[in-house]
Amino acid sequence: MSLMRSMILTLVLAILGAAMGAWGGSQYVLRQMRPEQPLHVLVHERLSLSPEQERSIADIEREHRARCDALQAEMRAANAELAQAFQESHAYTPRVQAAIDRAHVAMAALQQETMVHILAMRAVLTPQQATVFDATVISSLTVERR
């Protein structure tokens, strides 16, 4: 294989690896940051929330869902931009890097939004409820998913 072909092959493989890494990272973050069923069940079925707490948490969840939907749309747009940049140049261009950076910013914003959401829900709870809630949150953040 000629040196030029080897270099082009290496470059194409590097770009594909970067694209797959950005996509895989965004999918991983989406899976990790979605509230897992145990937290939802805990909050709505096991914490014996008062009607006022239920209303407050419903409002918090509705606002969170809207923000998450917007951030997930941004991540999809960044991935589409990355695909377009790759398709046009098959090179690690500034446009490819910009699309990757855009996806990373959206992933970080999603993680921040989820933590703000969790803290807002926690603020509605009594100290006893918060103790159980905290244990569930900590467990969901530290359990390895496959």
C-alpha atoms as a PDB file:
ATOM      1  CA  MET A   1       0.000   0.000   0.000  1.00  0.00           C
ATOM      2  CA  SER A   2       1.372   3.407  -0.888  1.00  0.00           C
ATOM      3  CA  LEU A   3       2.162   5.988   1.748  1.00  0.00           C
ATOM      4  CA  MET A   4      -0.589   8.277   0.455  1.00  0.00           C
ATOM      5  CA  ARG A   5      -3.230   5.524   0.647  1.00  0.00           C
ATOM      6  CA  SER A   6      -2.097   4.656   4.157  1.00  0.00           C
ATOM      7  CA  MET A   7      -2.382   8.271   5.251  1.00  0.00           C
ATOM      8  CA  ILE A   8      -5.833   8.657   3.720  1.00  0.00           C
ATOM      9  CA  LEU A   9      -7.019   5.412   5.295  1.00  0.00           C
ATOM     10  CA  THR A  10      -5.683   6.514   8.682  1.00  0.00           C
ATOM     11  CA  LEU A  11      -7.412   9.882   8.348  1.00  0.00           C
ATOM     12  CA  VAL A  12     -10.743   8.324   7.348  1.00  0.00           C
ATOM     13  CA  LEU A  13     -10.558   5.852  10.241  1.00  0.00           C
ATOM     14  CA  ALA A  14      -9.743   8.680  12.674  1.00  0.00           C
ATOM     15  CA  ILE A  15     -12.748  10.686  11.483  1.00  0.00           C
ATOM     16  CA  LEU A  16     -15.032   7.684  11.709  1.00  0.00           C
ATOM     17  CA  GLY A  17     -13.725   6.979  15.205  1.00  0.00           C
ATOM     18  CA  ALA A  18     -14.354  10.586  16.268  1.00  0.00           C
ATOM     19  CA  ALA A  19     -17.866  10.546  14.816  1.00  0.00           C
ATOM     20  CA  MET A  20     -18.695   7.236  16.477  1.00  0.00           C
ATOM     21  CA  GLY A  21     -17.228   8.476  19.753  1.00  0.00           C
ATOM     22  CA  ALA A  22     -19.322  11.653  19.686  1.00  0.00           C
ATOM     23  CA  TRP A  23     -22.480   9.712  18.859  1.00  0.00           C
ATOM     24  CA  GLY A  24     -21.746   6.994  21.403  1.00  0.00           C
ATOM     25  CA  GLY A  25     -20.936   9.548  24.080  1.00  0.00           C
ATOM     26  CA  SER A  26     -24.183  11.410  23.482  1.00  0.00           C
ATOM     27  CA  GLN A  27     -26.180   8.178  23.642  1.00  0.00           C
ATOM     28  CA  TYR A  28     -24.419   7.179  26.862  1.00  0.00           C
ATOM     29  CA  VAL A  29     -25.129  10.547  28.477  1.00  0.00           C
ATOM     30  CA  LEU A  30     -28.776  10.395  27.415  1.00  0.00           C
ATOM     31  CA  ARG A  31     -29.138   6.969  29.005  1.00  0.00           C
ATOM     32  CA  GLN A  32     -27.315   8.012  32.163  1.00  0.00           C
ATOM     33  CA  MET A  33     -29.172  11.279  32.653  1.00  0.00           C
ATOM     34  CA  ARG A  34     -32.719  10.109  32.122  1.00  0.00           C
ATOM     35  CA  PRO A  35     -34.342   9.610  35.505  1.00  0.00           C
ATOM     36  CA  GLU A  36     -34.496   5.876  36.007  1.00  0.00           C
ATOM     37  CA  GLN A  37     -37.740   4.150  36.898  1.00  0.00           C
ATOM     38  CA  PRO A  38     -36.714   3.475  40.540  1.00  0.00           C
ATOM     39  CA  LEU A  39     -36.490   7.225  41.243  1.00  0.00           C
ATOM     40  CA  HIS A  40     -39.840   7.892  39.586  1.00  0.00           C
ATOM     41  CA  VAL A  41     -41.467   5.023  41.503  1.00  0.00           C
ATOM     42  CA  LEU A  42     -39.850   6.193  44.720  1.00  0.00           C
ATOM     43  CA  VAL A  43     -41.043   9.768  44.360  1.00  0.00           C
ATOM     44  CA  HIS A  44     -44.580   8.999  43.256  1.00  0.00           C
ATOM     45  CA  GLU A  45     -45.350   5.763  45.072  1.00  0.00           C
ATOM     46  CA  ARG A  46     -43.120   5.337  48.113  1.00  0.00           C
ATOM     47  CA  LEU A  47     -42.497   8.762  49.614  1.00  0.00           C
ATOM     48  CA  SER A  48     -46.127   9.424  50.604  1.00  0.00           C
ATOM     49  CA  LEU A  49     -46.136  12.883  49.082  1.00  0.00           C
ATOM     50  CA  SER A  50     -48.730  15.388  50.170  1.00  0.00           C
ATOM     51  CA  PRO A  51     -51.064  16.771  47.480  1.00  0.00           C
ATOM     52  CA  GLU A  52     -49.075  20.021  47.555  1.00  0.00           C
ATOM     53  CA  GLN A  53     -45.793  18.132  47.064  1.00  0.00           C
ATOM     54  CA  GLU A  54     -47.354  16.155  44.180  1.00  0.00           C
ATOM     55  CA  ARG A  55     -48.385  19.398  42.448  1.00  0.00           C
ATOM     56  CA  SER A  56     -44.983  20.993  42.970  1.00  0.00           C
ATOM     57  CA  ILE A  57     -43.127  17.955  41.672  1.00  0.00           C
ATOM     58  CA  ALA A  58     -45.471  17.660  38.687  1.00  0.00           C
ATOM     59  CA  ASP A  59     -44.636  21.269  37.771  1.00  0.00           C
ATOM     60  CA  ILE A  60     -40.912  20.612  38.228  1.00  0.00           C
ATOM     61  CA  GLU A  61     -41.100  17.485  36.044  1.00  0.00           C
ATOM     62  CA  ARG A  62     -43.086  19.256  33.297  1.00  0.00           C
ATOM     63  CA  GLU A  63     -40.523  22.081  33.101  1.00  0.00           C
ATOM     64  CA  HIS A  64     -37.643  19.594  33.184  1.00  0.00           C
ATOM     65  CA  ARG A  65     -39.117  17.523  30.352  1.00  0.00           C
ATOM     66  CA  ALA A  66     -39.440  20.623  28.148  1.00  0.00           C
ATOM     67  CA  ARG A  67     -35.824  21.625  28.785  1.00  0.00           C
ATOM     68  CA  CYS A  68     -34.588  18.052  28.219  1.00  0.00           C
ATOM     69  CA  ASP A  69     -36.503  17.788  24.965  1.00  0.00           C
ATOM     70  CA  ALA A  70     -34.815  20.984  23.742  1.00  0.00           C
ATOM     71  CA  LEU A  71     -31.358  19.749  24.784  1.00  0.00           C
ATOM     72  CA  GLN A  72     -31.898  16.366  23.155  1.00  0.00           C
ATOM     73  CA  ALA A  73     -32.965  18.141  19.962  1.00  0.00           C
ATOM     74  CA  GLU A  74     -29.735  20.148  20.144  1.00  0.00           C
ATOM     75  CA  MET A  75     -27.719  16.930  20.493  1.00  0.00           C
ATOM     76  CA  ARG A  76     -29.470  15.437  17.462  1.00  0.00           C
ATOM     77  CA  ALA A  77     -28.760  18.631  15.494  1.00  0.00           C
ATOM     78  CA  ALA A  78     -25.083  18.494  16.484  1.00  0.00           C
ATOM     79  CA  ASN A  79     -24.874  14.874  15.353  1.00  0.00           C
ATOM     80  CA  ALA A  80     -26.553  15.771  12.058  1.00  0.00           C
ATOM     81  CA  GLU A  81     -24.058  18.609  11.626  1.00  0.00           C
ATOM     82  CA  LEU A  82     -21.218  16.181  12.324  1.00  0.00           C
ATOM     83  CA  ALA A  83     -22.563  13.730   9.748  1.00  0.00           C
ATOM     84  CA  GLN A  84     -22.853  16.495   7.159  1.00  0.00           C
ATOM     85  CA  ALA A  85     -19.333  17.771   7.853  1.00  0.00           C
ATOM     86  CA  PHE A  86     -17.938  14.259   7.589  1.00  0.00           C
ATOM     87  CA  GLN A  87     -19.847  13.572   4.376  1.00  0.00           C
ATOM     88  CA  GLU A  88     -18.596  16.756   2.747  1.00  0.00           C
ATOM     89  CA  SER A  89     -14.908  16.499   3.513  1.00  0.00           C
ATOM     90  CA  HIS A  90     -13.965  13.108   4.972  1.00  0.00           C
ATOM     91  CA  ALA A  91     -11.381  15.001   6.987  1.00  0.00           C
ATOM     92  CA  TYR A  92     -11.023  16.215  10.560  1.00  0.00           C
ATOM     93  CA  THR A  93     -11.858  19.794   9.729  1.00  0.00           C
ATOM     94  CA  PRO A  94     -12.704  22.748  11.955  1.00  0.00           C
ATOM     95  CA  ARG A  95     -16.343  22.109  11.053  1.00  0.00           C
ATOM     96  CA  VAL A  96     -16.088  18.506  12.333  1.00  0.00           C
ATOM     97  CA  GLN A  97     -14.508  19.786  15.550  1.00  0.00           C
ATOM     98  CA  ALA A  98     -17.214  22.448  15.907  1.00  0.00           C
ATOM     99  CA  ALA A  99     -19.940  19.810  15.599  1.00  0.00           C
ATOM    100  CA  ILE A 100     -18.241  17.638  18.221  1.00  0.00           C
ATOM    101  CA  ASP A 101     -17.884  20.655  20.521  1.00  0.00           C
ATOM    102  CA  ARG A 102     -21.573  21.491  19.999  1.00  0.00           C
ATOM    103  CA  ALA A 103     -22.547  17.948  21.022  1.00  0.00           C
ATOM    104  CA  HIS A 104     -20.350  18.142  24.126  1.00  0.00           C
ATOM    105  CA  VAL A 105     -21.899  21.456  25.181  1.00  0.00           C
ATOM    106  CA  ALA A 106     -25.385  19.967  24.809  1.00  0.00           C
ATOM    107  CA  MET A 107     -24.392  16.848  26.799  1.00  0.00           C
ATOM    108  CA  ALA A 108     -22.996  18.978  29.612  1.00  0.00           C
ATOM    109  CA  ALA A 109     -26.114  21.154  29.644  1.00  0.00           C
ATOM    110  CA  LEU A 110     -28.285  18.039  29.852  1.00  0.00           C
ATOM    111  CA  GLN A 111     -26.300  16.738  32.801  1.00  0.00           C
ATOM    112  CA  GLN A 112     -26.556  20.112  34.544  1.00  0.00           C
ATOM    113  CA  GLU A 113     -30.291  20.304  33.863  1.00  0.00           C
ATOM    114  CA  THR A 114     -30.811  16.866  35.352  1.00  0.00           C
ATOM    115  CA  MET A 115     -28.958  17.796  38.532  1.00  0.00           C
ATOM    116  CA  VAL A 116     -30.930  21.045  38.859  1.00  0.00           C
ATOM    117  CA  HIS A 117     -34.118  18.987  38.396  1.00  0.00           C
ATOM    118  CA  ILE A 118     -33.114  16.514  41.095  1.00  0.00           C
ATOM    119  CA  LEU A 119     -32.230  19.316  43.525  1.00  0.00           C
ATOM    120  CA  ALA A 120     -35.522  21.108  42.808  1.00  0.00           C
ATOM    121  CA  MET A 121     -37.479  17.938  43.583  1.00  0.00           C
ATOM    122  CA  ARG A 122     -35.430  17.376  46.732  1.00  0.00           C
ATOM    123  CA  ALA A 123     -36.257  20.888  47.959  1.00  0.00           C
ATOM    124  CA  VAL A 124     -39.958  19.939  48.032  1.00  0.00           C
ATOM    125  CA  LEU A 125     -39.376  16.928  50.301  1.00  0.00           C
ATOM    126  CA  THR A 126     -39.410  16.657  54.060  1.00  0.00           C
ATOM    127  CA  PRO A 127     -36.091  15.761  55.731  1.00  0.00           C
ATOM    128  CA  GLN A 128     -37.212  12.140  56.138  1.00  0.00           C
ATOM    129  CA  GLN A 129     -38.287  11.893  52.492  1.00  0.00           C
ATOM    130  CA  ALA A 130     -35.047  13.572  51.376  1.00  0.00           C
ATOM    131  CA  THR A 131     -32.969  10.927  53.160  1.00  0.00           C
ATOM    132  CA  VAL A 132     -34.621   8.123  51.164  1.00  0.00           C
ATOM    133  CA  PHE A 133     -34.531  10.202  47.965  1.00  0.00           C
ATOM    134  CA  ASP A 134     -30.800  10.940  48.409  1.00  0.00           C
ATOM    135  CA  ALA A 135     -29.956   7.257  48.795  1.00  0.00           C
ATOM    136  CA  THR A 136     -31.814   6.459  45.566  1.00  0.00           C
ATOM    137  CA  VAL A 137     -30.145   9.295  43.650  1.00  0.00           C
ATOM    138  CA  ILE A 138     -26.688   8.291  44.880  1.00  0.00           C
ATOM    139  CA  SER A 139     -27.345   4.672  43.975  1.00  0.00           C
ATOM    140  CA  SER A 140     -28.552   5.578  40.478  1.00  0.00           C
ATOM    141  CA  LEU A 141     -25.458   7.735  39.893  1.00  0.00           C
ATOM    142  CA  THR A 142     -23.031   5.050  41.013  1.00  0.00           C
ATOM    143  CA  VAL A 143     -24.593   1.832  39.711  1.00  0.00           C
ATOM    144  CA  GLU A 144     -22.910   0.535  36.614  1.00  0.00           C
ATOM    145  CA  ARG A 145     -25.310   0.056  33.706  1.00  0.00           C
ATOM    146  CA  ARG A 146     -24.786  -2.360  30.874  1.00  0.00           C
END
